[in-house]
Amino acid sequence: MKSIATIISTVFQPLLMPTYGVMLIFAYTYFGEIYSHRFWQIITPVLFFSFIIPAVLIYMLFKIGIISDLSLKVRKERIYPYLITLLSYTAMIVYYQRMNMPGWFMMIMGASIAIMIIAILITFIWKISAHMFGIGGLTGGAMAVCYVVERSNPYIMFIGLFILAGLIGTSRLILKRHTLSQVIAGFLLGFFVSFAFVWFGP
């Protein structure tokens, strides 16, 4: 069970969630039709800014001893990786702003920054699940875009996302990385912030 939980936690790690989110946007919204010719121009920056840069810098923090474990088991050691991710997300938003992406697309990206800021503040006093606010943000953003922007209800996708969230949460519990309350709080944080940003955005 632990090996399966490790695989799930690795494949669906928080740094990859923005990339998965953009891929879902291409698959389930008009965005995929309008911007199909710019797929790599749009997907490459999110992979670069939300995964590659933070992953490399976090690994460097590990090598020089600022963090003791790449899985960030120690709550206080999460501050620096979160700050790195926050700055990288900010650069990503600036890039997409210059590409004149739609307002709702920018709000999803903005939600990622809001989630990171809230997570950083929470981390000073409590350990919250980054995996869960990652999948929570993905789920909330996807639902908001479908309901608010697309006026559609791809319930199969929603069911799949909630099942995935359950698998990720269960994996974190099996690996004893978080308590149940930390898992639930992480998902709710990501879900409601992402949903609200798109719902109340331009």
C-alpha atoms as a PDB file:
ATOM      1  CA  MET A   1       0.000   0.000   0.000  1.00  0.00           C
ATOM      2  CA  LYS A   2       2.794   2.412   0.838  1.00  0.00           C
ATOM      3  CA  SER A   3       4.401   1.928  -2.570  1.00  0.00           C
ATOM      4  CA  ILE A   4       1.124   2.777  -4.316  1.00  0.00           C
ATOM      5  CA  ALA A   5       0.615   5.756  -2.017  1.00  0.00           C
ATOM      6  CA  THR A   6       4.130   6.977  -2.839  1.00  0.00           C
ATOM      7  CA  ILE A   7       3.479   6.710  -6.575  1.00  0.00           C
ATOM      8  CA  ILE A   8       0.210   8.644  -6.273  1.00  0.00           C
ATOM      9  CA  SER A   9       1.853  11.317  -4.137  1.00  0.00           C
ATOM     10  CA  THR A  10       4.687  11.689  -6.642  1.00  0.00           C
ATOM     11  CA  VAL A  11       2.616  11.773  -9.834  1.00  0.00           C
ATOM     12  CA  PHE A  12       0.110  14.203  -8.331  1.00  0.00           C
ATOM     13  CA  GLN A  13       2.500  16.374  -6.379  1.00  0.00           C
ATOM     14  CA  PRO A  14       1.460  20.026  -5.851  1.00  0.00           C
ATOM     15  CA  LEU A  15       3.990  21.493  -8.276  1.00  0.00           C
ATOM     16  CA  LEU A  16       2.382  19.638 -11.181  1.00  0.00           C
ATOM     17  CA  MET A  17      -1.209  20.665 -10.455  1.00  0.00           C
ATOM     18  CA  PRO A  18      -1.130  23.941 -12.436  1.00  0.00           C
ATOM     19  CA  THR A  19       0.107  22.017 -15.482  1.00  0.00           C
ATOM     20  CA  TYR A  20      -2.646  19.424 -15.094  1.00  0.00           C
ATOM     21  CA  GLY A  21      -5.116  22.281 -14.691  1.00  0.00           C
ATOM     22  CA  VAL A  22      -4.128  23.956 -17.958  1.00  0.00           C
ATOM     23  CA  MET A  23      -4.323  20.599 -19.731  1.00  0.00           C
ATOM     24  CA  LEU A  24      -7.880  20.159 -18.424  1.00  0.00           C
ATOM     25  CA  ILE A  25      -8.758  23.633 -19.690  1.00  0.00           C
ATOM     26  CA  PHE A  26      -7.573  22.644 -23.148  1.00  0.00           C
ATOM     27  CA  ALA A  27      -9.550  19.417 -22.996  1.00  0.00           C
ATOM     28  CA  TYR A  28     -12.871  20.641 -21.570  1.00  0.00           C
ATOM     29  CA  THR A  29     -13.369  24.269 -22.617  1.00  0.00           C
ATOM     30  CA  TYR A  30     -13.532  26.408 -25.758  1.00  0.00           C
ATOM     31  CA  PHE A  31      -9.999  27.432 -24.834  1.00  0.00           C
ATOM     32  CA  GLY A  32      -8.750  24.253 -26.493  1.00  0.00           C
ATOM     33  CA  GLU A  33     -10.306  25.201 -29.828  1.00  0.00           C
ATOM     34  CA  ILE A  34      -9.288  28.852 -29.841  1.00  0.00           C
ATOM     35  CA  TYR A  35      -5.733  28.357 -28.592  1.00  0.00           C
ATOM     36  CA  SER A  36      -4.943  24.926 -30.039  1.00  0.00           C
ATOM     37  CA  HIS A  37      -2.297  26.466 -32.310  1.00  0.00           C
ATOM     38  CA  ARG A  38      -0.604  27.977 -29.236  1.00  0.00           C
ATOM     39  CA  PHE A  39      -0.713  24.855 -27.066  1.00  0.00           C
ATOM     40  CA  TRP A  40       3.032  24.600 -26.446  1.00  0.00           C
ATOM     41  CA  GLN A  41       3.376  28.345 -26.048  1.00  0.00           C
ATOM     42  CA  ILE A  42       0.852  28.175 -23.206  1.00  0.00           C
ATOM     43  CA  ILE A  43       1.665  24.830 -21.589  1.00  0.00           C
ATOM     44  CA  THR A  44       5.470  25.282 -21.529  1.00  0.00           C
ATOM     45  CA  PRO A  45       5.502  28.348 -19.228  1.00  0.00           C
ATOM     46  CA  VAL A  46       3.206  26.744 -16.652  1.00  0.00           C
ATOM     47  CA  LEU A  47       5.409  23.645 -16.600  1.00  0.00           C
ATOM     48  CA  PHE A  48       8.532  25.808 -16.371  1.00  0.00           C
ATOM     49  CA  PHE A  49       7.375  28.302 -13.733  1.00  0.00           C
ATOM     50  CA  SER A  50       5.197  26.060 -11.569  1.00  0.00           C
ATOM     51  CA  PHE A  51       7.262  22.870 -11.667  1.00  0.00           C
ATOM     52  CA  ILE A  52      10.789  23.028 -13.087  1.00  0.00           C
ATOM     53  CA  ILE A  53      12.011  26.239 -11.420  1.00  0.00           C
ATOM     54  CA  PRO A  54      10.545  25.502  -7.955  1.00  0.00           C
ATOM     55  CA  ALA A  55      11.663  21.853  -8.115  1.00  0.00           C
ATOM     56  CA  VAL A  56      15.254  22.764  -8.998  1.00  0.00           C
ATOM     57  CA  LEU A  57      15.486  25.488  -6.347  1.00  0.00           C
ATOM     58  CA  ILE A  58      13.905  23.300  -3.670  1.00  0.00           C
ATOM     59  CA  TYR A  59      16.403  20.569  -4.512  1.00  0.00           C
ATOM     60  CA  MET A  60      19.192  23.126  -4.101  1.00  0.00           C
ATOM     61  CA  LEU A  61      17.803  24.041  -0.658  1.00  0.00           C
ATOM     62  CA  PHE A  62      17.994  20.354   0.220  1.00  0.00           C
ATOM     63  CA  LYS A  63      21.570  19.989  -1.025  1.00  0.00           C
ATOM     64  CA  ILE A  64      22.818  22.969   1.010  1.00  0.00           C
ATOM     65  CA  GLY A  65      20.977  21.787   4.106  1.00  0.00           C
ATOM     66  CA  ILE A  66      18.271  24.447   4.478  1.00  0.00           C
ATOM     67  CA  ILE A  67      15.630  21.736   4.282  1.00  0.00           C
ATOM     68  CA  SER A  68      16.244  18.244   5.644  1.00  0.00           C
ATOM     69  CA  ASP A  69      13.847  16.311   3.430  1.00  0.00           C
ATOM     70  CA  LEU A  70      12.484  16.819  -0.100  1.00  0.00           C
ATOM     71  CA  SER A  71       9.027  15.768   1.055  1.00  0.00           C
ATOM     72  CA  LEU A  72       9.071  18.731   3.473  1.00  0.00           C
ATOM     73  CA  LYS A  73       8.092  16.742   6.542  1.00  0.00           C
ATOM     74  CA  VAL A  74       9.174  19.516   8.913  1.00  0.00           C
ATOM     75  CA  ARG A  75       6.558  22.280   9.060  1.00  0.00           C
ATOM     76  CA  LYS A  76       8.986  25.165   9.607  1.00  0.00           C
ATOM     77  CA  GLU A  77      11.115  24.086   6.646  1.00  0.00           C
ATOM     78  CA  ARG A  78       8.170  24.568   4.284  1.00  0.00           C
ATOM     79  CA  ILE A  79       8.349  28.371   4.392  1.00  0.00           C
ATOM     80  CA  TYR A  80      11.274  28.743   1.986  1.00  0.00           C
ATOM     81  CA  PRO A  81       9.947  26.297  -0.657  1.00  0.00           C
ATOM     82  CA  TYR A  82       6.541  27.980  -0.453  1.00  0.00           C
ATOM     83  CA  LEU A  83       8.120  31.418  -0.940  1.00  0.00           C
ATOM     84  CA  ILE A  84      10.085  30.141  -3.941  1.00  0.00           C
ATOM     85  CA  THR A  85       6.910  28.723  -5.449  1.00  0.00           C
ATOM     86  CA  LEU A  86       5.040  31.950  -4.768  1.00  0.00           C
ATOM     87  CA  LEU A  87       7.658  34.054  -6.568  1.00  0.00           C
ATOM     88  CA  SER A  88       7.777  31.656  -9.495  1.00  0.00           C
ATOM     89  CA  TYR A  89       3.966  31.708  -9.783  1.00  0.00           C
ATOM     90  CA  THR A  90       4.101  35.509  -9.818  1.00  0.00           C
ATOM     91  CA  ALA A  91       6.535  35.444 -12.736  1.00  0.00           C
ATOM     92  CA  MET A  92       4.215  33.018 -14.513  1.00  0.00           C
ATOM     93  CA  ILE A  93       1.267  35.380 -14.138  1.00  0.00           C
ATOM     94  CA  VAL A  94       3.295  38.271 -15.550  1.00  0.00           C
ATOM     95  CA  TYR A  95       4.140  36.102 -18.552  1.00  0.00           C
ATOM     96  CA  TYR A  96       0.530  35.168 -19.195  1.00  0.00           C
ATOM     97  CA  GLN A  97      -0.594  38.758 -18.684  1.00  0.00           C
ATOM     98  CA  ARG A  98       1.705  39.795 -21.521  1.00  0.00           C
ATOM     99  CA  MET A  99       0.122  37.065 -23.663  1.00  0.00           C
ATOM    100  CA  ASN A 100      -3.293  38.673 -23.045  1.00  0.00           C
ATOM    101  CA  MET A 101      -4.883  35.514 -21.707  1.00  0.00           C
ATOM    102  CA  PRO A 102      -8.631  35.624 -20.878  1.00  0.00           C
ATOM    103  CA  GLY A 103      -9.646  37.127 -17.529  1.00  0.00           C
ATOM    104  CA  TRP A 104     -10.909  33.851 -16.081  1.00  0.00           C
ATOM    105  CA  PHE A 105      -7.629  32.156 -17.030  1.00  0.00           C
ATOM    106  CA  MET A 106      -5.712  34.860 -15.195  1.00  0.00           C
ATOM    107  CA  MET A 107      -7.988  34.464 -12.172  1.00  0.00           C
ATOM    108  CA  ILE A 108      -7.133  30.770 -11.951  1.00  0.00           C
ATOM    109  CA  MET A 109      -3.468  31.677 -11.933  1.00  0.00           C
ATOM    110  CA  GLY A 110      -4.151  34.405  -9.390  1.00  0.00           C
ATOM    111  CA  ALA A 111      -5.899  31.852  -7.189  1.00  0.00           C
ATOM    112  CA  SER A 112      -2.680  29.834  -7.085  1.00  0.00           C
ATOM    113  CA  ILE A 113      -0.865  32.821  -5.603  1.00  0.00           C
ATOM    114  CA  ALA A 114      -3.645  33.478  -3.080  1.00  0.00           C
ATOM    115  CA  ILE A 115      -3.578  29.834  -2.003  1.00  0.00           C
ATOM    116  CA  MET A 116       0.204  29.958  -1.549  1.00  0.00           C
ATOM    117  CA  ILE A 117       0.021  33.142   0.536  1.00  0.00           C
ATOM    118  CA  ILE A 118      -2.654  31.654   2.797  1.00  0.00           C
ATOM    119  CA  ALA A 119      -0.685  28.397   3.047  1.00  0.00           C
ATOM    120  CA  ILE A 120       2.462  30.296   4.055  1.00  0.00           C
ATOM    121  CA  LEU A 121       0.560  32.101   6.827  1.00  0.00           C
ATOM    122  CA  ILE A 122      -0.984  28.840   8.044  1.00  0.00           C
ATOM    123  CA  THR A 123       2.398  27.113   8.001  1.00  0.00           C
ATOM    124  CA  PHE A 124       3.715  29.461  10.676  1.00  0.00           C
ATOM    125  CA  ILE A 125       1.349  27.828  13.170  1.00  0.00           C
ATOM    126  CA  TRP A 126       0.119  24.575  11.612  1.00  0.00           C
ATOM    127  CA  LYS A 127       0.971  22.005   8.972  1.00  0.00           C
ATOM    128  CA  ILE A 128      -1.491  21.903   6.078  1.00  0.00           C
ATOM    129  CA  SER A 129      -1.395  19.467   3.176  1.00  0.00           C
ATOM    130  CA  ALA A 130       0.146  20.989   0.047  1.00  0.00           C
ATOM    131  CA  HIS A 131      -0.931  17.963  -1.993  1.00  0.00           C
ATOM    132  CA  MET A 132      -4.519  18.595  -0.990  1.00  0.00           C
ATOM    133  CA  PHE A 133      -4.622  22.330  -1.618  1.00  0.00           C
ATOM    134  CA  GLY A 134      -3.081  21.468  -4.990  1.00  0.00           C
ATOM    135  CA  ILE A 135      -5.823  19.041  -6.021  1.00  0.00           C
ATOM    136  CA  GLY A 136      -8.421  21.200  -4.264  1.00  0.00           C
ATOM    137  CA  GLY A 137      -7.378  24.200  -6.331  1.00  0.00           C
ATOM    138  CA  LEU A 138      -7.469  22.133  -9.507  1.00  0.00           C
ATOM    139  CA  THR A 139     -10.961  20.814  -8.721  1.00  0.00           C
ATOM    140  CA  GLY A 140     -12.387  24.163  -7.639  1.00  0.00           C
ATOM    141  CA  GLY A 141     -10.943  25.973 -10.635  1.00  0.00           C
ATOM    142  CA  ALA A 142     -12.196  23.336 -13.078  1.00  0.00           C
ATOM    143  CA  MET A 143     -15.713  23.397 -11.642  1.00  0.00           C
ATOM    144  CA  ALA A 144     -15.881  27.192 -11.649  1.00  0.00           C
ATOM    145  CA  VAL A 145     -14.710  27.450 -15.250  1.00  0.00           C
ATOM    146  CA  CYS A 146     -17.245  24.865 -16.388  1.00  0.00           C
ATOM    147  CA  TYR A 147     -20.167  26.394 -14.488  1.00  0.00           C
ATOM    148  CA  VAL A 148     -19.350  30.107 -14.847  1.00  0.00           C
ATOM    149  CA  VAL A 149     -17.494  30.362 -18.151  1.00  0.00           C
ATOM    150  CA  GLU A 150     -18.612  27.339 -20.152  1.00  0.00           C
ATOM    151  CA  ARG A 151     -22.071  26.908 -18.637  1.00  0.00           C
ATOM    152  CA  SER A 152     -21.473  23.176 -18.839  1.00  0.00           C
ATOM    153  CA  ASN A 153     -21.583  20.235 -16.470  1.00  0.00           C
ATOM    154  CA  PRO A 154     -18.975  17.584 -17.361  1.00  0.00           C
ATOM    155  CA  TYR A 155     -19.911  15.496 -14.348  1.00  0.00           C
ATOM    156  CA  ILE A 156     -17.667  12.610 -15.367  1.00  0.00           C
ATOM    157  CA  MET A 157     -14.677  14.923 -15.037  1.00  0.00           C
ATOM    158  CA  PHE A 158     -15.915  16.178 -11.654  1.00  0.00           C
ATOM    159  CA  ILE A 159     -16.396  12.632 -10.373  1.00  0.00           C
ATOM    160  CA  GLY A 160     -12.897  11.766 -11.555  1.00  0.00           C
ATOM    161  CA  LEU A 161     -11.384  14.791  -9.810  1.00  0.00           C
ATOM    162  CA  PHE A 162     -13.097  14.016  -6.497  1.00  0.00           C
ATOM    163  CA  ILE A 163     -12.017  10.371  -6.708  1.00  0.00           C
ATOM    164  CA  LEU A 164      -8.478  11.552  -7.428  1.00  0.00           C
ATOM    165  CA  ALA A 165      -8.640  13.916  -4.453  1.00  0.00           C
ATOM    166  CA  GLY A 166      -9.729  11.011  -2.281  1.00  0.00           C
ATOM    167  CA  LEU A 167      -6.848   8.859  -3.520  1.00  0.00           C
ATOM    168  CA  ILE A 168      -4.304  11.616  -2.902  1.00  0.00           C
ATOM    169  CA  GLY A 169      -5.676  12.343   0.558  1.00  0.00           C
ATOM    170  CA  THR A 170      -5.682   8.659   1.460  1.00  0.00           C
ATOM    171  CA  SER A 171      -2.106   8.360   0.214  1.00  0.00           C
ATOM    172  CA  ARG A 172      -0.981  11.193   2.455  1.00  0.00           C
ATOM    173  CA  LEU A 173      -2.633   9.489   5.426  1.00  0.00           C
ATOM    174  CA  ILE A 174      -1.125   6.089   4.602  1.00  0.00           C
ATOM    175  CA  LEU A 175       2.326   7.668   4.359  1.00  0.00           C
ATOM    176  CA  LYS A 176       1.623   9.443   7.671  1.00  0.00           C
ATOM    177  CA  ARG A 177       2.565  12.818   6.194  1.00  0.00           C
ATOM    178  CA  HIS A 178      -0.602  14.485   7.488  1.00  0.00           C
ATOM    179  CA  THR A 179      -3.536  14.056   9.805  1.00  0.00           C
ATOM    180  CA  LEU A 180      -7.103  13.840   8.504  1.00  0.00           C
ATOM    181  CA  SER A 181      -7.806  17.436   9.538  1.00  0.00           C
ATOM    182  CA  GLN A 182      -4.737  18.683   7.635  1.00  0.00           C
ATOM    183  CA  VAL A 183      -5.835  16.785   4.541  1.00  0.00           C
ATOM    184  CA  ILE A 184      -9.398  18.111   4.663  1.00  0.00           C
ATOM    185  CA  ALA A 185      -8.267  21.665   5.411  1.00  0.00           C
ATOM    186  CA  GLY A 186      -5.857  21.591   2.472  1.00  0.00           C
ATOM    187  CA  PHE A 187      -8.538  20.479   0.025  1.00  0.00           C
ATOM    188  CA  LEU A 188     -11.081  23.029   1.252  1.00  0.00           C
ATOM    189  CA  LEU A 189      -8.529  25.847   1.061  1.00  0.00           C
ATOM    190  CA  GLY A 190      -7.612  25.076  -2.538  1.00  0.00           C
ATOM    191  CA  PHE A 191     -11.167  24.361  -3.669  1.00  0.00           C
ATOM    192  CA  PHE A 192     -12.911  27.433  -2.295  1.00  0.00           C
ATOM    193  CA  VAL A 193     -10.179  29.936  -3.151  1.00  0.00           C
ATOM    194  CA  SER A 194      -9.965  28.750  -6.770  1.00  0.00           C
ATOM    195  CA  PHE A 195     -13.727  28.553  -7.175  1.00  0.00           C
ATOM    196  CA  ALA A 196     -14.243  32.014  -5.687  1.00  0.00           C
ATOM    197  CA  PHE A 197     -11.558  33.643  -7.835  1.00  0.00           C
ATOM    198  CA  VAL A 198     -13.201  32.464 -11.046  1.00  0.00           C
ATOM    199  CA  TRP A 199     -16.750  33.031  -9.789  1.00  0.00           C
ATOM    200  CA  PHE A 200     -16.156  36.626  -8.699  1.00  0.00           C
ATOM    201  CA  GLY A 201     -13.487  37.417 -11.297  1.00  0.00           C
ATOM    202  CA  PRO A 202     -13.894  39.405 -14.509  1.00  0.00           C
END
